[in-house]
Amino acid sequence: MKRMIVLGDRVLIRQDESEPRTEVGLYLPQTVKDKDEVLQGVIVKTGPGIPLADPSTLGEEPWQQENRQQLRYMPMEAREGDYVLFLRKAAVEINYEGEKYFIAPQSAILLIIREEEDLPPDDDLPLDFE
């Protein structure tokens, strides 16, 4: 059995090609779609995040380290199941087992739409898209 493993701060996105309004109520004008600058989709997988250096090993060469610790990552804001708008020019299109996906760095994501119950309680942005 094969599985995809997303590395670093990248996300795997399945494009939403529905027209004209998405299931989350988002509408992209035809001018944006014609230019293909911004795409929309659902995150299928995420990488572990941005690797962090161990401050105790700064100045040492990696091959000289005797006690290598487990690599630590700064977690990403994007999560599996998030609906996102992302920049097409920063993404790479792939076909895997007959499905089209995009691999993009988290920095290419312009907007995340997440179910309200999945938001942290201290979120101070009361935006409603109804």
N, C-alpha and C. Protein backbone atom coordinates (compact mmCIF):
# COMPACT_ATOMS: atom_id res chain seq x y z
N MET A 1 0.84 -1.18 0.00
CA MET A 1 0.00 0.00 0.00
C MET A 1 0.89 1.25 0.00
N LYS A 2 0.52 2.22 -0.79
CA LYS A 2 1.26 3.48 -0.87
C LYS A 2 0.51 4.56 -0.11
N ARG A 3 1.26 5.53 0.41
CA ARG A 3 0.61 6.68 1.03
C ARG A 3 1.48 7.90 0.75
N MET A 4 0.84 9.04 0.70
CA MET A 4 1.56 10.29 0.47
C MET A 4 1.99 10.86 1.81
N ILE A 5 3.22 11.35 1.86
CA ILE A 5 3.75 12.01 3.04
C ILE A 5 4.12 13.43 2.63
N VAL A 6 3.49 14.40 3.24
CA VAL A 6 3.74 15.80 2.92
C VAL A 6 4.85 16.29 3.86
N LEU A 7 5.83 16.97 3.31
CA LEU A 7 6.99 17.40 4.07
C LEU A 7 6.93 18.88 4.44
N GLY A 8 7.61 19.22 5.53
CA GLY A 8 7.80 20.61 5.93
C GLY A 8 6.52 21.37 6.16
N ASP A 9 6.51 22.60 5.66
CA ASP A 9 5.34 23.48 5.87
C ASP A 9 4.44 23.49 4.64
N ARG A 10 4.31 22.35 3.98
CA ARG A 10 3.48 22.26 2.78
C ARG A 10 2.15 21.59 3.11
N VAL A 11 1.18 21.84 2.24
CA VAL A 11 -0.14 21.22 2.37
C VAL A 11 -0.53 20.59 1.04
N LEU A 12 -1.33 19.55 1.11
CA LEU A 12 -1.87 18.89 -0.07
C LEU A 12 -3.33 19.29 -0.15
N ILE A 13 -3.72 19.87 -1.30
CA ILE A 13 -5.06 20.45 -1.45
C ILE A 13 -5.78 19.79 -2.61
N ARG A 14 -7.04 19.40 -2.38
CA ARG A 14 -7.91 18.94 -3.46
C ARG A 14 -8.73 20.15 -3.89
N GLN A 15 -8.59 20.52 -5.15
CA GLN A 15 -9.25 21.72 -5.66
C GLN A 15 -10.76 21.55 -5.68
N ASP A 16 -11.45 22.62 -5.31
CA ASP A 16 -12.90 22.69 -5.41
C ASP A 16 -13.23 23.41 -6.70
N GLU A 17 -13.77 22.69 -7.66
CA GLU A 17 -14.07 23.27 -8.97
C GLU A 17 -15.55 23.55 -9.15
N SER A 18 -16.31 23.55 -8.06
CA SER A 18 -17.75 23.78 -8.16
C SER A 18 -18.02 25.23 -8.57
N GLU A 19 -19.15 25.45 -9.15
CA GLU A 19 -19.54 26.76 -9.65
C GLU A 19 -20.89 27.15 -9.09
N PRO A 20 -21.25 28.40 -9.04
CA PRO A 20 -20.37 29.54 -8.87
C PRO A 20 -20.05 29.80 -7.40
N ARG A 21 -20.84 29.21 -6.51
CA ARG A 21 -20.65 29.44 -5.07
C ARG A 21 -20.29 28.10 -4.45
N THR A 22 -19.30 28.11 -3.57
CA THR A 22 -18.86 26.89 -2.94
C THR A 22 -19.81 26.47 -1.84
N GLU A 23 -19.61 25.25 -1.34
CA GLU A 23 -20.49 24.75 -0.27
C GLU A 23 -20.33 25.55 1.01
N VAL A 24 -19.21 26.25 1.18
CA VAL A 24 -19.03 27.08 2.38
C VAL A 24 -19.54 28.50 2.15
N GLY A 25 -20.13 28.77 0.98
CA GLY A 25 -20.73 30.07 0.73
C GLY A 25 -19.78 31.09 0.14
N LEU A 26 -18.61 30.67 -0.29
CA LEU A 26 -17.62 31.58 -0.84
C LEU A 26 -17.86 31.74 -2.34
N TYR A 27 -17.74 32.96 -2.82
CA TYR A 27 -17.94 33.24 -4.23
C TYR A 27 -16.71 33.94 -4.77
N LEU A 28 -16.10 33.36 -5.82
CA LEU A 28 -14.97 34.01 -6.49
C LEU A 28 -15.46 34.59 -7.81
N PRO A 29 -15.23 35.87 -8.05
CA PRO A 29 -15.66 36.48 -9.30
C PRO A 29 -15.00 35.82 -10.51
N GLN A 30 -15.67 35.87 -11.65
CA GLN A 30 -15.16 35.24 -12.87
C GLN A 30 -13.80 35.81 -13.28
N THR A 31 -13.56 37.09 -13.00
CA THR A 31 -12.27 37.68 -13.37
C THR A 31 -11.11 37.00 -12.66
N VAL A 32 -11.32 36.61 -11.41
CA VAL A 32 -10.28 35.90 -10.66
C VAL A 32 -10.11 34.49 -11.22
N LYS A 33 -11.23 33.84 -11.56
CA LYS A 33 -11.15 32.49 -12.10
C LYS A 33 -10.50 32.48 -13.48
N ASP A 34 -10.81 33.49 -14.30
CA ASP A 34 -10.23 33.55 -15.64
C ASP A 34 -8.72 33.67 -15.58
N LYS A 35 -8.23 34.47 -14.66
CA LYS A 35 -6.78 34.66 -14.53
C LYS A 35 -6.13 33.47 -13.86
N ASP A 36 -6.93 32.64 -13.18
CA ASP A 36 -6.42 31.45 -12.49
C ASP A 36 -5.36 31.81 -11.46
N GLU A 37 -5.50 32.98 -10.84
CA GLU A 37 -4.54 33.42 -9.84
C GLU A 37 -4.81 32.79 -8.48
N VAL A 38 -6.07 32.67 -8.14
CA VAL A 38 -6.47 32.16 -6.83
C VAL A 38 -7.36 30.94 -7.04
N LEU A 39 -7.02 29.86 -6.36
CA LEU A 39 -7.83 28.64 -6.42
C LEU A 39 -8.39 28.36 -5.03
N GLN A 40 -9.35 27.49 -4.97
CA GLN A 40 -9.98 27.14 -3.69
C GLN A 40 -10.02 25.62 -3.58
N GLY A 41 -9.95 25.14 -2.36
CA GLY A 41 -10.00 23.70 -2.17
C GLY A 41 -9.98 23.32 -0.71
N VAL A 42 -9.89 22.02 -0.49
CA VAL A 42 -9.89 21.45 0.86
C VAL A 42 -8.53 20.81 1.12
N ILE A 43 -7.97 21.08 2.29
CA ILE A 43 -6.68 20.48 2.64
C ILE A 43 -6.90 19.01 2.98
N VAL A 44 -6.15 18.16 2.29
CA VAL A 44 -6.25 16.72 2.47
C VAL A 44 -5.19 16.23 3.46
N LYS A 45 -4.00 16.78 3.37
CA LYS A 45 -2.90 16.41 4.27
C LYS A 45 -2.04 17.63 4.51
N THR A 46 -1.36 17.64 5.66
CA THR A 46 -0.41 18.71 5.95
C THR A 46 0.92 18.09 6.34
N GLY A 47 1.98 18.86 6.14
CA GLY A 47 3.28 18.45 6.63
C GLY A 47 3.37 18.74 8.12
N PRO A 48 4.50 18.37 8.75
CA PRO A 48 4.63 18.57 10.19
C PRO A 48 4.83 20.02 10.60
N GLY A 49 5.26 20.88 9.69
CA GLY A 49 5.49 22.28 10.03
C GLY A 49 6.90 22.71 9.67
N ILE A 50 7.33 23.82 10.25
CA ILE A 50 8.66 24.37 9.97
C ILE A 50 9.65 23.75 10.95
N PRO A 51 10.73 23.12 10.45
CA PRO A 51 11.71 22.53 11.36
C PRO A 51 12.41 23.60 12.20
N LEU A 52 12.61 23.29 13.48
CA LEU A 52 13.28 24.21 14.39
C LEU A 52 14.66 23.67 14.75
N ALA A 53 15.63 24.56 14.77
CA ALA A 53 16.98 24.17 15.17
C ALA A 53 17.04 24.02 16.68
N ASP A 54 17.85 23.10 17.14
CA ASP A 54 18.09 22.92 18.57
C ASP A 54 19.15 23.93 18.98
N PRO A 55 18.82 24.90 19.84
CA PRO A 55 19.77 25.94 20.20
C PRO A 55 21.04 25.40 20.85
N SER A 56 20.97 24.25 21.48
CA SER A 56 22.16 23.71 22.14
C SER A 56 23.19 23.19 21.16
N THR A 57 22.79 23.00 19.90
CA THR A 57 23.73 22.47 18.91
C THR A 57 24.21 23.53 17.93
N LEU A 58 23.84 24.78 18.13
CA LEU A 58 24.28 25.82 17.21
C LEU A 58 25.80 25.92 17.23
N GLY A 59 26.39 26.02 16.09
CA GLY A 59 27.83 26.10 15.97
C GLY A 59 28.48 24.74 15.74
N GLU A 60 27.74 23.66 15.95
CA GLU A 60 28.27 22.33 15.70
C GLU A 60 27.87 21.89 14.31
N GLU A 61 28.71 21.09 13.70
CA GLU A 61 28.38 20.52 12.41
C GLU A 61 27.45 19.33 12.65
N PRO A 62 26.44 19.14 11.79
CA PRO A 62 25.46 18.06 12.02
C PRO A 62 26.10 16.68 12.16
N TRP A 63 27.17 16.40 11.41
CA TRP A 63 27.78 15.08 11.47
C TRP A 63 28.63 14.87 12.72
N GLN A 64 28.89 15.95 13.47
CA GLN A 64 29.68 15.84 14.68
C GLN A 64 28.81 15.65 15.92
N GLN A 65 27.54 15.77 15.78
CA GLN A 65 26.64 15.64 16.92
C GLN A 65 26.51 14.17 17.29
N GLU A 66 26.82 13.85 18.55
CA GLU A 66 26.73 12.47 18.99
C GLU A 66 25.32 12.10 19.42
N ASN A 67 24.68 12.98 20.14
CA ASN A 67 23.33 12.70 20.65
C ASN A 67 22.31 13.52 19.86
N ARG A 68 21.89 12.99 18.75
CA ARG A 68 20.90 13.70 17.95
C ARG A 68 19.53 13.54 18.58
N GLN A 69 18.88 14.67 18.82
CA GLN A 69 17.54 14.64 19.40
C GLN A 69 16.51 14.57 18.28
N GLN A 70 15.32 14.20 18.67
CA GLN A 70 14.22 14.16 17.72
C GLN A 70 13.99 15.56 17.16
N LEU A 71 13.85 15.67 15.85
CA LEU A 71 13.61 16.95 15.21
C LEU A 71 12.28 17.53 15.69
N ARG A 72 12.27 18.82 16.03
CA ARG A 72 11.05 19.49 16.47
C ARG A 72 10.57 20.42 15.38
N TYR A 73 9.25 20.67 15.35
CA TYR A 73 8.63 21.50 14.32
C TYR A 73 7.76 22.57 14.95
N MET A 74 7.69 23.73 14.28
CA MET A 74 6.71 24.75 14.64
C MET A 74 5.43 24.36 13.91
N PRO A 75 4.36 24.08 14.63
CA PRO A 75 3.13 23.61 13.97
C PRO A 75 2.54 24.66 13.04
N MET A 76 1.75 24.18 12.10
CA MET A 76 1.13 25.07 11.13
C MET A 76 -0.28 25.44 11.55
N GLU A 77 -0.76 26.56 11.05
CA GLU A 77 -2.14 26.99 11.29
C GLU A 77 -3.11 26.14 10.47
N ALA A 78 -2.72 25.79 9.24
CA ALA A 78 -3.58 25.00 8.37
C ALA A 78 -3.71 23.58 8.90
N ARG A 79 -4.94 23.03 8.79
CA ARG A 79 -5.21 21.67 9.25
C ARG A 79 -5.98 20.90 8.19
N GLU A 80 -5.92 19.59 8.28
CA GLU A 80 -6.71 18.75 7.38
C GLU A 80 -8.18 19.09 7.53
N GLY A 81 -8.87 19.19 6.40
CA GLY A 81 -10.30 19.51 6.41
C GLY A 81 -10.60 20.99 6.27
N ASP A 82 -9.59 21.85 6.40
CA ASP A 82 -9.80 23.30 6.23
C ASP A 82 -10.12 23.60 4.77
N TYR A 83 -11.02 24.55 4.55
CA TYR A 83 -11.32 25.05 3.21
C TYR A 83 -10.44 26.28 3.01
N VAL A 84 -9.68 26.33 1.91
CA VAL A 84 -8.70 27.40 1.74
C VAL A 84 -8.77 28.06 0.37
N LEU A 85 -8.34 29.31 0.34
CA LEU A 85 -8.03 30.01 -0.91
C LEU A 85 -6.51 30.06 -0.96
N PHE A 86 -5.92 29.72 -2.12
CA PHE A 86 -4.48 29.71 -2.22
C PHE A 86 -4.01 30.25 -3.57
N LEU A 87 -2.77 30.71 -3.60
CA LEU A 87 -2.19 31.26 -4.82
C LEU A 87 -1.76 30.14 -5.75
N ARG A 88 -2.29 30.15 -6.95
CA ARG A 88 -1.98 29.12 -7.94
C ARG A 88 -0.51 29.11 -8.31
N LYS A 89 0.10 30.29 -8.45
CA LYS A 89 1.48 30.35 -8.92
C LYS A 89 2.48 29.77 -7.92
N ALA A 90 2.09 29.64 -6.66
CA ALA A 90 2.98 29.07 -5.64
C ALA A 90 2.77 27.57 -5.47
N ALA A 91 1.78 27.01 -6.14
CA ALA A 91 1.44 25.60 -5.97
C ALA A 91 1.93 24.76 -7.14
N VAL A 92 2.13 23.49 -6.87
CA VAL A 92 2.52 22.53 -7.90
C VAL A 92 1.35 21.55 -8.07
N GLU A 93 0.91 21.39 -9.32
CA GLU A 93 -0.20 20.48 -9.60
C GLU A 93 0.34 19.08 -9.81
N ILE A 94 -0.31 18.08 -9.18
CA ILE A 94 0.08 16.69 -9.38
C ILE A 94 -1.17 15.85 -9.62
N ASN A 95 -1.00 14.70 -10.24
CA ASN A 95 -2.05 13.71 -10.39
C ASN A 95 -1.59 12.47 -9.65
N TYR A 96 -2.42 12.00 -8.72
CA TYR A 96 -2.09 10.82 -7.94
C TYR A 96 -3.29 9.90 -7.94
N GLU A 97 -3.10 8.70 -8.46
CA GLU A 97 -4.16 7.70 -8.55
C GLU A 97 -5.44 8.27 -9.15
N GLY A 98 -5.28 9.02 -10.25
CA GLY A 98 -6.41 9.55 -10.99
C GLY A 98 -7.04 10.81 -10.44
N GLU A 99 -6.52 11.34 -9.35
CA GLU A 99 -7.07 12.57 -8.75
C GLU A 99 -6.06 13.71 -8.91
N LYS A 100 -6.60 14.92 -9.10
CA LYS A 100 -5.75 16.10 -9.22
C LYS A 100 -5.63 16.77 -7.86
N TYR A 101 -4.38 17.09 -7.47
CA TYR A 101 -4.09 17.77 -6.22
C TYR A 101 -3.12 18.91 -6.47
N PHE A 102 -3.00 19.76 -5.47
CA PHE A 102 -2.00 20.82 -5.48
C PHE A 102 -1.18 20.71 -4.20
N ILE A 103 0.13 20.87 -4.34
CA ILE A 103 1.02 20.95 -3.18
C ILE A 103 1.45 22.40 -3.09
N ALA A 104 1.23 23.01 -1.93
CA ALA A 104 1.55 24.42 -1.76
C ALA A 104 2.15 24.66 -0.39
N PRO A 105 3.05 25.63 -0.28
CA PRO A 105 3.53 25.99 1.05
C PRO A 105 2.42 26.71 1.81
N GLN A 106 2.46 26.63 3.12
CA GLN A 106 1.44 27.30 3.91
C GLN A 106 1.39 28.80 3.59
N SER A 107 2.52 29.38 3.22
CA SER A 107 2.55 30.82 2.92
C SER A 107 1.74 31.18 1.68
N ALA A 108 1.37 30.19 0.85
CA ALA A 108 0.56 30.46 -0.34
C ALA A 108 -0.93 30.52 -0.01
N ILE A 109 -1.29 30.16 1.21
CA ILE A 109 -2.70 30.18 1.61
C ILE A 109 -3.08 31.61 2.00
N LEU A 110 -4.14 32.10 1.37
CA LEU A 110 -4.61 33.45 1.62
C LEU A 110 -5.67 33.50 2.71
N LEU A 111 -6.49 32.45 2.80
CA LEU A 111 -7.63 32.45 3.69
C LEU A 111 -7.97 31.02 4.07
N ILE A 112 -8.30 30.82 5.34
CA ILE A 112 -8.76 29.52 5.82
C ILE A 112 -10.19 29.70 6.33
N ILE A 113 -11.07 28.82 5.91
CA ILE A 113 -12.43 28.80 6.43
C ILE A 113 -12.58 27.50 7.20
N ARG A 114 -12.90 27.62 8.48
CA ARG A 114 -12.96 26.47 9.38
C ARG A 114 -14.28 26.52 10.13
N GLU A 115 -14.83 25.37 10.44
CA GLU A 115 -16.06 25.30 11.22
C GLU A 115 -15.86 26.00 12.56
N GLU A 116 -16.86 26.70 13.01
CA GLU A 116 -16.77 27.50 14.24
C GLU A 116 -16.38 26.67 15.45
N GLU A 117 -16.87 25.44 15.56
CA GLU A 117 -16.53 24.63 16.73
C GLU A 117 -15.06 24.21 16.74
N ASP A 118 -14.37 24.34 15.59
CA ASP A 118 -12.95 24.00 15.53
C ASP A 118 -12.05 25.19 15.83
N LEU A 119 -12.63 26.38 16.04
CA LEU A 119 -11.84 27.57 16.32
C LEU A 119 -11.43 27.62 17.78
N PRO A 120 -10.26 28.18 18.07
CA PRO A 120 -9.88 28.33 19.48
C PRO A 120 -10.83 29.30 20.18
N PRO A 121 -11.07 29.13 21.49
CA PRO A 121 -12.04 29.98 22.20
C PRO A 121 -11.63 31.44 22.27
N ASP A 122 -10.37 31.76 22.14
CA ASP A 122 -9.94 33.15 22.26
C ASP A 122 -9.87 33.85 20.90
N ASP A 123 -10.49 33.30 19.89
CA ASP A 123 -10.49 33.92 18.57
C ASP A 123 -11.31 35.21 18.63
N ASP A 124 -10.67 36.34 18.35
CA ASP A 124 -11.35 37.62 18.49
C ASP A 124 -11.77 38.22 17.16
N LEU A 125 -11.91 37.39 16.13
CA LEU A 125 -12.36 37.89 14.83
C LEU A 125 -13.79 37.41 14.57
N PRO A 126 -14.79 38.19 14.97
CA PRO A 126 -16.19 37.77 14.80
C PRO A 126 -16.68 38.01 13.38
N LEU A 127 -16.14 37.26 12.41
CA LEU A 127 -16.54 37.44 11.03
C LEU A 127 -17.57 36.39 10.66
N ASP A 128 -18.69 36.83 10.08
CA ASP A 128 -19.70 35.91 9.61
C ASP A 128 -19.81 36.05 8.12
N PHE A 129 -19.77 34.94 7.40
CA PHE A 129 -19.89 34.95 5.94
C PHE A 129 -21.22 34.33 5.54
N GLU A 130 -22.30 34.93 5.93
CA GLU A 130 -23.62 34.40 5.59
C GLU A 130 -24.26 35.22 4.52
